[in-house]
Amino acid sequence: MTQRTLDFNVSPVLSVSQLTMLVKETLENQFDTVWVRGELSNVSRPRSGHIYLTLKDDGAQIPAVIWRTLANRLPFEIKDGMAAICSGGVEVYPPHGKYQLVIRDIEPAGVGALQLALKRLHQKLAAEGLFAPERKRPLPRFPKRVAFVTSPTGAAVRDFLEVARRRWGRGEVLVIPVRVQGPGAAREIAAGIRLANRLPDRPDVLVIGRGGGSLEDLWCFNEEVVVRAVCASQVPVVSAVGHEIDVALSDLAADVRALTPSEAAERVFPSTEEVRGAVTSLHRRLASFVCSRLEDARSRLTSLSGRRAFRRPFDPIHERSRRLDDLEARLTRAARRRRDHSQAALASLAARLESLSPLSVLSRGYSITTRTADGELLSDAASVEPGQRITTRLAKGTVISRIEEFPPAKERSPRE
């Protein structure tokens, strides 16, 4: 007997929850979207609205669930024994440690292989945003040049040209001949789209299409190479494939979908009669608008012409001229009054100054006496001695004298 000892240092020991989460992450990442064919059994639909079932074949089985949001939209009944093709992802439910298929799409197994392939391709391209409405571009109102990628011998091109000629009769239609059915047709259509975009005189609109047919006949317009060429086109694309009941992937990728080639011509080219009618209507509206504006202008002109400003336009000028004269006269009078007042004030100040002037005093008989030696003003007789020379200034002239004697004692100053 061989004895084996476990070495816990070789790898970490996981808890059951950790192992389950690793399995869950691995399975769900690896099998995010799978297609499975099998037989439905154990179908049950509780009050929640979800559908629980088992998908099985001869060798295995797997639990599956259809959530209520999808279950309510199914156009057929889910029942035991039904063979179906399911699309969805594998998920692990940790509390039970079991995995199940979460079905996101289901079709009865009777659906053909082409429809199944179409559904898968549609899901793939839609996930890339190739069918998004925000990618759609408007068609030009008056195209000058239109390219039609189609079979030159089919009824589609004849119908398109006939409708275009009847509706518009102008512009140029360039037919790019390709096969629209059979092996290699998709590659030719995609090449025709690329050729139209490379033309020196690039068309304003690009049309692709053909008449109606079976799914197999129209399959080339469902192929990925055509859809991607439509999305890559720098010219707005109109897809006119089949009849109303037929919807190709190129219809979903194109900027505009037409039910038939004849309707494509109606979408691309305006109607001459409609354009003529629109022009006539615009002409009438413009004429009516111009007449209305002229009448309004004439009424306003008549109203303005009756105003005084137009009848006697120089009255404001004359009024302002008189106002200017009045202001000038007032200014002249004010200046004179100011001048007279200033002269009177100046004369008064001069008189007061004159009354205080020593010369004015001298003119009344007074005189000013100073000692001749130092020019000191004499106001007291006691400040001089006999024999000193004095200078007397009169109103007119100067007298120099010498003191001979003083007046009697009673007339002398107390200092003597």
Protein backbone atom coordinates (compact mmCIF):
# COMPACT_ATOMS: atom_id res chain seq x y z
CA MET A 1 0.00 0.00 0.00
CA THR A 2 1.35 3.43 -0.96
CA GLN A 3 0.89 6.25 1.53
CA ARG A 4 0.47 9.82 0.27
CA THR A 5 0.77 12.94 2.34
CA LEU A 6 -1.01 16.15 1.24
CA ASP A 7 1.25 19.18 0.95
CA PHE A 8 -0.81 22.30 1.74
CA ASN A 9 2.10 24.57 0.85
CA VAL A 10 2.01 23.69 -2.86
CA SER A 11 -1.18 25.64 -3.64
CA PRO A 12 -3.62 27.73 -1.57
CA VAL A 13 -6.59 26.03 -0.01
CA LEU A 14 -9.84 27.46 -1.43
CA SER A 15 -13.14 27.66 0.30
CA VAL A 16 -16.17 26.22 -1.43
CA SER A 17 -17.42 29.75 -2.17
CA GLN A 18 -14.09 30.79 -3.63
CA LEU A 19 -13.91 27.73 -5.87
CA THR A 20 -17.49 28.24 -7.00
CA MET A 21 -16.85 31.90 -7.84
CA LEU A 22 -13.75 30.92 -9.86
CA VAL A 23 -15.80 28.37 -11.77
CA LYS A 24 -18.60 30.94 -12.26
CA GLU A 25 -16.21 33.58 -13.62
CA THR A 26 -14.48 31.09 -15.94
CA LEU A 27 -17.68 29.61 -17.37
CA GLU A 28 -19.53 32.89 -17.80
CA ASN A 29 -16.59 34.57 -19.54
CA GLN A 30 -15.92 31.58 -21.77
CA PHE A 31 -19.55 30.92 -22.71
CA ASP A 32 -21.07 34.41 -22.79
CA THR A 33 -23.02 33.65 -26.00
CA VAL A 34 -23.59 30.13 -27.30
CA TRP A 35 -26.08 28.46 -29.63
CA VAL A 36 -27.48 25.15 -28.45
CA ARG A 37 -29.89 22.73 -30.15
CA GLY A 38 -31.89 20.30 -28.03
CA GLU A 39 -35.24 19.02 -26.82
CA LEU A 40 -37.23 20.88 -24.13
CA SER A 41 -38.40 18.98 -21.07
CA ASN A 42 -39.54 19.71 -17.49
CA VAL A 43 -41.06 22.99 -18.69
CA SER A 44 -42.61 24.98 -15.82
CA ARG A 45 -43.83 28.55 -15.52
CA PRO A 46 -44.47 29.69 -11.93
CA ARG A 47 -46.37 32.82 -10.95
CA SER A 48 -43.22 34.92 -11.41
CA GLY A 49 -43.62 34.54 -15.19
CA HIS A 50 -40.16 33.01 -15.75
CA ILE A 51 -39.92 29.75 -17.66
CA TYR A 52 -37.72 27.00 -16.23
CA LEU A 53 -36.86 23.99 -18.37
CA THR A 54 -34.27 21.36 -19.23
CA LEU A 55 -32.55 21.30 -22.61
CA LYS A 56 -31.38 17.77 -23.47
CA ASP A 57 -30.24 15.40 -26.17
CA ASP A 58 -29.35 11.72 -26.15
CA GLY A 59 -26.09 12.22 -24.26
CA ALA A 60 -26.59 15.12 -21.80
CA GLN A 61 -28.90 17.73 -20.37
CA ILE A 62 -28.58 21.26 -18.99
CA PRO A 63 -31.00 23.35 -16.89
CA ALA A 64 -32.17 26.51 -18.60
CA VAL A 65 -34.29 29.58 -17.82
CA ILE A 66 -36.17 32.11 -19.91
CA TRP A 67 -36.74 35.33 -17.96
CA ARG A 68 -40.20 36.84 -17.96
CA THR A 69 -39.29 39.81 -20.22
CA LEU A 70 -38.51 37.40 -23.09
CA ALA A 71 -41.13 34.81 -22.18
CA ASN A 72 -43.92 37.38 -22.53
CA ARG A 73 -42.81 38.26 -26.08
CA LEU A 74 -42.48 34.75 -27.51
CA PRO A 75 -44.82 34.23 -30.49
CA PHE A 76 -45.09 30.48 -29.82
CA GLU A 77 -45.78 28.23 -26.85
CA ILE A 78 -42.94 26.58 -24.94
CA LYS A 79 -43.85 22.97 -24.18
CA ASP A 80 -42.26 19.59 -23.37
CA GLY A 81 -40.88 17.60 -26.28
CA MET A 82 -40.36 20.66 -28.44
CA ALA A 83 -37.09 20.78 -30.44
CA ALA A 84 -35.54 24.25 -30.36
CA ILE A 85 -32.40 26.22 -31.08
CA CYS A 86 -31.47 28.48 -28.15
CA SER A 87 -29.04 31.33 -27.80
CA GLY A 88 -27.79 32.60 -24.48
CA GLY A 89 -25.04 32.50 -21.90
CA VAL A 90 -23.96 29.99 -19.29
CA GLU A 91 -24.32 31.15 -15.69
CA VAL A 92 -23.47 29.50 -12.37
CA TYR A 93 -25.87 29.66 -9.41
CA PRO A 94 -23.49 29.60 -6.39
CA PRO A 95 -25.96 28.55 -3.64
CA HIS A 96 -26.63 25.23 -5.44
CA GLY A 97 -23.27 24.95 -7.19
CA LYS A 98 -25.07 24.31 -10.50
CA TYR A 99 -24.78 25.92 -13.91
CA GLN A 100 -27.64 26.77 -16.25
CA LEU A 101 -28.25 28.29 -19.66
CA VAL A 102 -29.90 31.73 -19.55
CA ILE A 103 -31.79 31.79 -22.84
CA ARG A 104 -31.85 35.17 -24.59
CA ASP A 105 -33.31 33.94 -27.87
CA ILE A 106 -35.14 30.79 -28.90
CA GLU A 107 -36.52 29.47 -32.19
CA PRO A 108 -38.23 26.22 -33.02
CA ALA A 109 -35.76 23.81 -34.61
CA GLY A 110 -37.82 23.86 -37.81
CA VAL A 111 -36.34 27.24 -38.72
CA GLY A 112 -33.92 26.81 -41.64
CA ALA A 113 -30.18 27.12 -41.43
CA LEU A 114 -30.21 30.33 -43.49
CA GLN A 115 -32.57 32.06 -41.07
CA LEU A 116 -30.48 30.95 -38.13
CA ALA A 117 -27.31 32.26 -39.79
CA LEU A 118 -29.15 35.49 -40.62
CA LYS A 119 -30.19 35.93 -37.00
CA ARG A 120 -26.65 35.36 -35.76
CA LEU A 121 -25.18 37.84 -38.24
CA HIS A 122 -27.88 40.37 -37.41
CA GLN A 123 -27.03 40.16 -33.72
CA LYS A 124 -23.33 40.52 -34.41
CA LEU A 125 -23.63 43.55 -36.68
CA ALA A 126 -26.27 45.20 -34.50
CA ALA A 127 -23.93 44.90 -31.52
CA GLU A 128 -21.35 46.86 -33.54
CA GLY A 129 -23.88 49.65 -34.10
CA LEU A 130 -24.08 49.23 -37.89
CA PHE A 131 -27.87 49.50 -37.82
CA ALA A 132 -28.02 52.45 -35.38
CA PRO A 133 -30.51 55.19 -36.41
CA GLU A 134 -28.00 57.96 -35.69
CA ARG A 135 -25.86 56.70 -38.58
CA LYS A 136 -28.57 57.47 -41.14
CA ARG A 137 -27.95 60.37 -43.52
CA PRO A 138 -30.56 62.38 -45.43
CA LEU A 139 -30.72 62.21 -49.21
CA PRO A 140 -30.01 65.33 -51.27
CA ARG A 141 -33.17 67.10 -52.43
CA PHE A 142 -32.15 67.42 -56.08
CA PRO A 143 -29.52 64.81 -57.00
CA LYS A 144 -27.61 65.41 -60.21
CA ARG A 145 -26.00 61.97 -60.48
CA VAL A 146 -27.25 58.64 -59.14
CA ALA A 147 -25.43 55.30 -59.25
CA PHE A 148 -27.44 52.05 -59.25
CA VAL A 149 -25.57 48.87 -58.31
CA THR A 150 -27.69 46.09 -59.79
CA SER A 151 -28.05 43.64 -62.65
CA PRO A 152 -28.26 45.54 -65.95
CA THR A 153 -30.66 42.94 -67.39
CA GLY A 154 -33.13 42.72 -64.53
CA ALA A 155 -36.54 44.30 -64.24
CA ALA A 156 -35.36 46.35 -61.29
CA VAL A 157 -33.21 48.72 -63.35
CA ARG A 158 -35.94 49.17 -65.97
CA ASP A 159 -38.53 50.00 -63.31
CA PHE A 160 -36.12 52.41 -61.62
CA LEU A 161 -35.30 54.26 -64.86
CA GLU A 162 -38.92 54.45 -65.92
CA VAL A 163 -40.04 56.00 -62.63
CA ALA A 164 -37.03 58.35 -62.59
CA ARG A 165 -37.79 59.52 -66.13
CA ARG A 166 -41.47 60.06 -65.35
CA ARG A 167 -40.90 61.92 -62.09
CA TRP A 168 -37.88 64.09 -62.82
CA GLY A 169 -36.43 63.55 -66.27
CA ARG A 170 -33.21 65.30 -65.28
CA GLY A 171 -29.93 64.16 -63.87
CA GLU A 172 -27.83 61.16 -64.73
CA VAL A 173 -28.25 57.52 -63.72
CA LEU A 174 -25.10 55.40 -63.80
CA VAL A 175 -25.72 51.65 -63.73
CA ILE A 176 -22.89 49.63 -62.17
CA PRO A 177 -23.48 46.05 -63.40
CA VAL A 178 -23.16 43.25 -60.87
CA ARG A 179 -24.69 39.88 -60.20
CA VAL A 180 -27.47 40.04 -57.61
CA GLN A 181 -27.89 36.29 -57.03
CA GLY A 182 -25.72 33.26 -56.63
CA PRO A 183 -22.14 32.57 -55.52
CA GLY A 184 -19.83 35.61 -55.68
CA ALA A 185 -22.73 38.07 -56.01
CA ALA A 186 -22.08 39.61 -52.58
CA ARG A 187 -18.45 40.35 -53.41
CA GLU A 188 -19.48 41.98 -56.71
CA ILE A 189 -22.08 44.15 -54.98
CA ALA A 190 -19.54 45.27 -52.36
CA ALA A 191 -17.01 46.00 -55.12
CA GLY A 192 -19.64 48.02 -57.00
CA ILE A 193 -20.32 50.12 -53.89
CA ARG A 194 -16.62 50.82 -53.45
CA LEU A 195 -16.28 51.67 -57.16
CA ALA A 196 -19.08 54.23 -56.94
CA ASN A 197 -17.27 55.91 -54.04
CA ARG A 198 -14.00 56.05 -55.98
CA LEU A 199 -15.44 57.68 -59.13
CA PRO A 200 -13.88 61.08 -59.99
CA ASP A 201 -17.37 62.53 -60.38
CA ARG A 202 -18.82 60.85 -57.32
CA PRO A 203 -22.62 60.36 -57.40
CA ASP A 204 -24.94 62.17 -55.00
CA VAL A 205 -26.89 59.01 -54.17
CA LEU A 206 -26.05 55.30 -54.39
CA VAL A 207 -28.83 52.71 -54.89
CA ILE A 208 -28.41 48.96 -54.48
CA GLY A 209 -31.15 46.44 -55.10
CA ARG A 210 -33.02 43.95 -57.17
CA GLY A 211 -36.52 42.56 -57.52
CA GLY A 212 -38.15 40.20 -55.05
CA GLY A 213 -37.31 36.58 -54.49
CA SER A 214 -36.84 33.87 -51.92
CA LEU A 215 -34.50 34.11 -48.95
CA GLU A 216 -31.93 32.17 -50.95
CA ASP A 217 -32.30 34.56 -53.93
CA LEU A 218 -31.84 37.64 -51.74
CA TRP A 219 -29.13 36.15 -49.54
CA CYS A 220 -26.25 38.10 -51.13
CA PHE A 221 -27.76 41.31 -49.67
CA ASN A 222 -27.57 39.73 -46.22
CA GLU A 223 -23.90 38.89 -46.36
CA GLU A 224 -21.49 40.71 -44.07
CA VAL A 225 -19.27 42.02 -46.88
CA VAL A 226 -22.22 43.89 -48.43
CA VAL A 227 -23.44 45.29 -45.11
CA ARG A 228 -19.99 46.61 -44.22
CA ALA A 229 -19.56 48.12 -47.70
CA VAL A 230 -22.89 49.95 -47.28
CA CYS A 231 -21.84 51.30 -43.88
CA ALA A 232 -18.43 52.39 -45.23
CA SER A 233 -19.91 54.28 -48.19
CA GLN A 234 -19.34 58.03 -48.16
CA VAL A 235 -22.31 58.43 -50.49
CA PRO A 236 -25.81 58.08 -48.98
CA VAL A 237 -27.16 54.61 -49.79
CA VAL A 238 -30.71 53.56 -50.67
CA SER A 239 -31.38 49.83 -50.35
CA ALA A 240 -34.21 48.50 -52.53
CA VAL A 241 -34.13 44.74 -52.12
CA GLY A 242 -37.17 42.54 -52.75
CA HIS A 243 -40.74 43.33 -51.84
CA GLU A 244 -42.36 44.70 -48.75
CA ILE A 245 -42.25 41.42 -46.84
CA ASP A 246 -38.52 40.95 -47.48
CA VAL A 247 -36.10 42.81 -45.16
CA ALA A 248 -32.41 42.30 -45.88
CA LEU A 249 -29.54 43.33 -43.63
CA SER A 250 -28.50 45.83 -46.30
CA ASP A 251 -31.91 47.49 -45.79
CA LEU A 252 -31.08 47.96 -42.11
CA ALA A 253 -27.59 49.29 -42.81
CA ALA A 254 -28.60 51.70 -45.60
CA ASP A 255 -29.50 55.33 -44.98
CA VAL A 256 -32.91 54.83 -46.60
CA ARG A 257 -34.87 51.64 -47.23
CA ALA A 258 -37.19 51.38 -50.22
CA LEU A 259 -39.66 48.55 -50.57
CA THR A 260 -39.00 48.15 -54.29
CA PRO A 261 -36.66 49.66 -56.92
CA SER A 262 -39.62 51.73 -58.18
CA GLU A 263 -40.10 53.21 -54.72
CA ALA A 264 -36.36 53.84 -54.56
CA ALA A 265 -36.68 56.06 -57.63
CA GLU A 266 -39.54 57.90 -55.91
CA ARG A 267 -37.40 58.38 -52.80
CA VAL A 268 -34.37 59.59 -54.77
CA PHE A 269 -35.92 61.83 -57.44
CA PRO A 270 -38.41 64.62 -56.72
CA SER A 271 -41.62 64.89 -58.70
CA THR A 272 -41.55 67.57 -61.38
CA GLU A 273 -45.21 68.34 -60.73
CA GLU A 274 -44.65 68.57 -56.99
CA VAL A 275 -41.62 70.83 -57.45
CA ARG A 276 -43.53 73.01 -59.93
CA GLY A 277 -46.44 73.23 -57.53
CA ALA A 278 -44.12 74.07 -54.65
CA VAL A 279 -42.41 76.77 -56.72
CA THR A 280 -45.78 78.22 -57.71
CA SER A 281 -46.91 78.20 -54.11
CA LEU A 282 -43.70 79.88 -53.00
CA HIS A 283 -44.06 82.45 -55.79
CA ARG A 284 -47.57 83.28 -54.62
CA ARG A 285 -46.50 83.48 -51.01
CA LEU A 286 -43.56 85.69 -51.94
CA ALA A 287 -45.73 87.97 -54.06
CA SER A 288 -48.30 88.19 -51.29
CA PHE A 289 -45.58 88.92 -48.75
CA VAL A 290 -44.01 91.63 -50.93
CA CYS A 291 -47.39 93.26 -51.62
CA SER A 292 -48.20 93.18 -47.91
CA ARG A 293 -44.87 94.76 -47.03
CA LEU A 294 -45.30 97.42 -49.73
CA GLU A 295 -48.79 98.24 -48.51
CA ASP A 296 -47.56 98.44 -44.95
CA ALA A 297 -44.68 100.70 -46.00
CA ARG A 298 -47.04 102.91 -48.02
CA SER A 299 -49.40 103.22 -45.04
CA ARG A 300 -46.54 104.12 -42.72
CA LEU A 301 -45.20 106.66 -45.23
CA THR A 302 -48.63 108.28 -45.51
CA SER A 303 -48.91 108.41 -41.74
CA LEU A 304 -45.43 109.92 -41.38
CA SER A 305 -45.96 112.46 -44.14
CA GLY A 306 -48.86 114.02 -42.19
CA ARG A 307 -46.71 114.74 -39.17
CA ARG A 308 -45.49 118.28 -38.48
CA ALA A 309 -41.85 117.21 -38.75
CA PHE A 310 -42.40 116.47 -42.42
CA ARG A 311 -44.78 119.33 -43.20
CA ARG A 312 -42.58 122.01 -41.55
CA PRO A 313 -39.17 120.40 -41.23
CA PHE A 314 -37.32 123.69 -40.46
CA ASP A 315 -39.47 124.67 -37.46
CA PRO A 316 -37.24 122.81 -34.95
CA ILE A 317 -34.18 124.52 -36.44
CA HIS A 318 -35.81 127.98 -36.19
CA GLU A 319 -36.94 127.33 -32.62
CA ARG A 320 -33.46 126.29 -31.60
CA SER A 321 -32.00 129.30 -33.40
CA ARG A 322 -34.27 131.63 -31.43
CA ARG A 323 -33.37 129.83 -28.28
CA LEU A 324 -29.70 130.31 -29.10
CA ASP A 325 -30.25 134.07 -29.66
CA ASP A 326 -32.06 134.36 -26.31
CA LEU A 327 -29.24 132.57 -24.55
CA GLU A 328 -26.69 134.84 -26.24
CA ALA A 329 -28.57 137.99 -25.09
CA ARG A 330 -28.86 136.68 -21.54
CA LEU A 331 -25.17 135.86 -21.52
CA THR A 332 -24.28 139.38 -22.76
CA ARG A 333 -26.43 141.02 -20.07
CA ALA A 334 -25.02 138.83 -17.37
CA ALA A 335 -21.47 139.63 -18.50
CA ARG A 336 -22.18 143.35 -18.41
CA ARG A 337 -23.71 143.14 -14.95
CA ARG A 338 -20.75 141.21 -13.77
CA ARG A 339 -18.35 143.72 -15.32
CA ASP A 340 -20.20 146.72 -13.77
CA HIS A 341 -20.29 145.05 -10.39
CA SER A 342 -16.58 144.28 -10.60
CA GLN A 343 -15.75 147.86 -11.61
CA ALA A 344 -17.79 149.27 -8.72
CA ALA A 345 -16.11 146.93 -6.27
CA LEU A 346 -12.69 147.88 -7.67
CA ALA A 347 -13.47 151.61 -7.36
CA SER A 348 -14.56 151.13 -3.76
CA LEU A 349 -11.38 149.28 -2.93
CA ALA A 350 -9.31 151.96 -4.68
CA ALA A 351 -11.02 154.71 -2.68
CA ARG A 352 -10.40 152.88 0.56
CA LEU A 353 -6.77 152.34 -0.39
CA GLU A 354 -6.40 155.97 -1.37
CA SER A 355 -7.80 157.10 1.98
CA LEU A 356 -5.16 155.07 3.76
CA SER A 357 -2.25 156.29 1.59
CA PRO A 358 0.32 158.61 3.30
CA LEU A 359 0.45 160.70 0.16
CA SER A 360 -3.22 161.49 0.56
CA VAL A 361 -2.54 162.70 4.11
CA LEU A 362 0.32 164.88 2.92
CA SER A 363 -1.90 166.47 0.31
CA ARG A 364 -4.09 167.81 3.12
CA GLY A 365 -1.20 169.86 4.64
CA TYR A 366 0.51 167.26 6.74
CA SER A 367 4.22 166.41 6.54
CA ILE A 368 6.63 163.66 7.61
CA THR A 369 9.84 164.51 9.45
CA THR A 370 12.81 162.24 9.90
CA ARG A 371 16.31 162.68 11.30
CA THR A 372 18.56 163.31 8.43
CA ALA A 373 21.37 161.27 9.92
CA ASP A 374 19.56 157.92 10.25
CA GLY A 375 16.16 158.53 8.66
CA GLU A 376 14.27 157.71 11.86
CA LEU A 377 10.75 159.04 11.88
CA LEU A 378 10.25 161.86 14.37
CA SER A 379 7.08 161.81 16.39
CA ASP A 380 8.43 163.34 19.63
CA ALA A 381 10.37 166.61 19.95
CA ALA A 382 12.35 165.14 22.79
CA SER A 383 14.01 162.73 20.38
CA VAL A 384 16.17 165.51 18.77
CA GLU A 385 18.74 167.97 20.00
CA PRO A 386 19.58 171.49 18.89
CA GLY A 387 21.89 171.52 15.93
CA GLN A 388 20.62 168.25 14.43
CA ARG A 389 19.52 168.24 10.85
CA ILE A 390 16.02 167.00 10.03
CA THR A 391 14.30 166.26 6.75
CA THR A 392 10.68 167.18 6.22
CA ARG A 393 8.72 165.64 3.39
CA LEU A 394 5.79 167.69 2.14
CA ALA A 395 3.08 166.84 -0.37
CA LYS A 396 5.36 168.41 -2.97
CA GLY A 397 9.04 168.30 -2.30
CA THR A 398 11.36 167.92 0.70
CA VAL A 399 12.78 170.49 3.13
CA ILE A 400 16.02 170.01 5.11
CA SER A 401 16.41 172.14 8.22
CA ARG A 402 18.44 172.33 11.40
CA ILE A 403 17.12 172.68 14.92
CA GLU A 404 18.02 176.01 16.46
CA GLU A 405 15.89 176.01 19.56
CA PHE A 406 13.03 174.26 21.27
CA PRO A 407 9.64 175.79 22.03
CA PRO A 408 8.89 177.11 25.55
CA ALA A 409 9.01 174.59 28.34
CA LYS A 410 5.31 174.34 28.74
CA GLU A 411 5.05 173.19 25.21
CA ARG A 412 7.81 170.65 25.45
CA SER A 413 7.40 167.06 26.21
CA PRO A 414 7.50 165.84 29.81
CA ARG A 415 10.78 164.11 28.97
CA GLU A 416 12.52 167.47 28.83
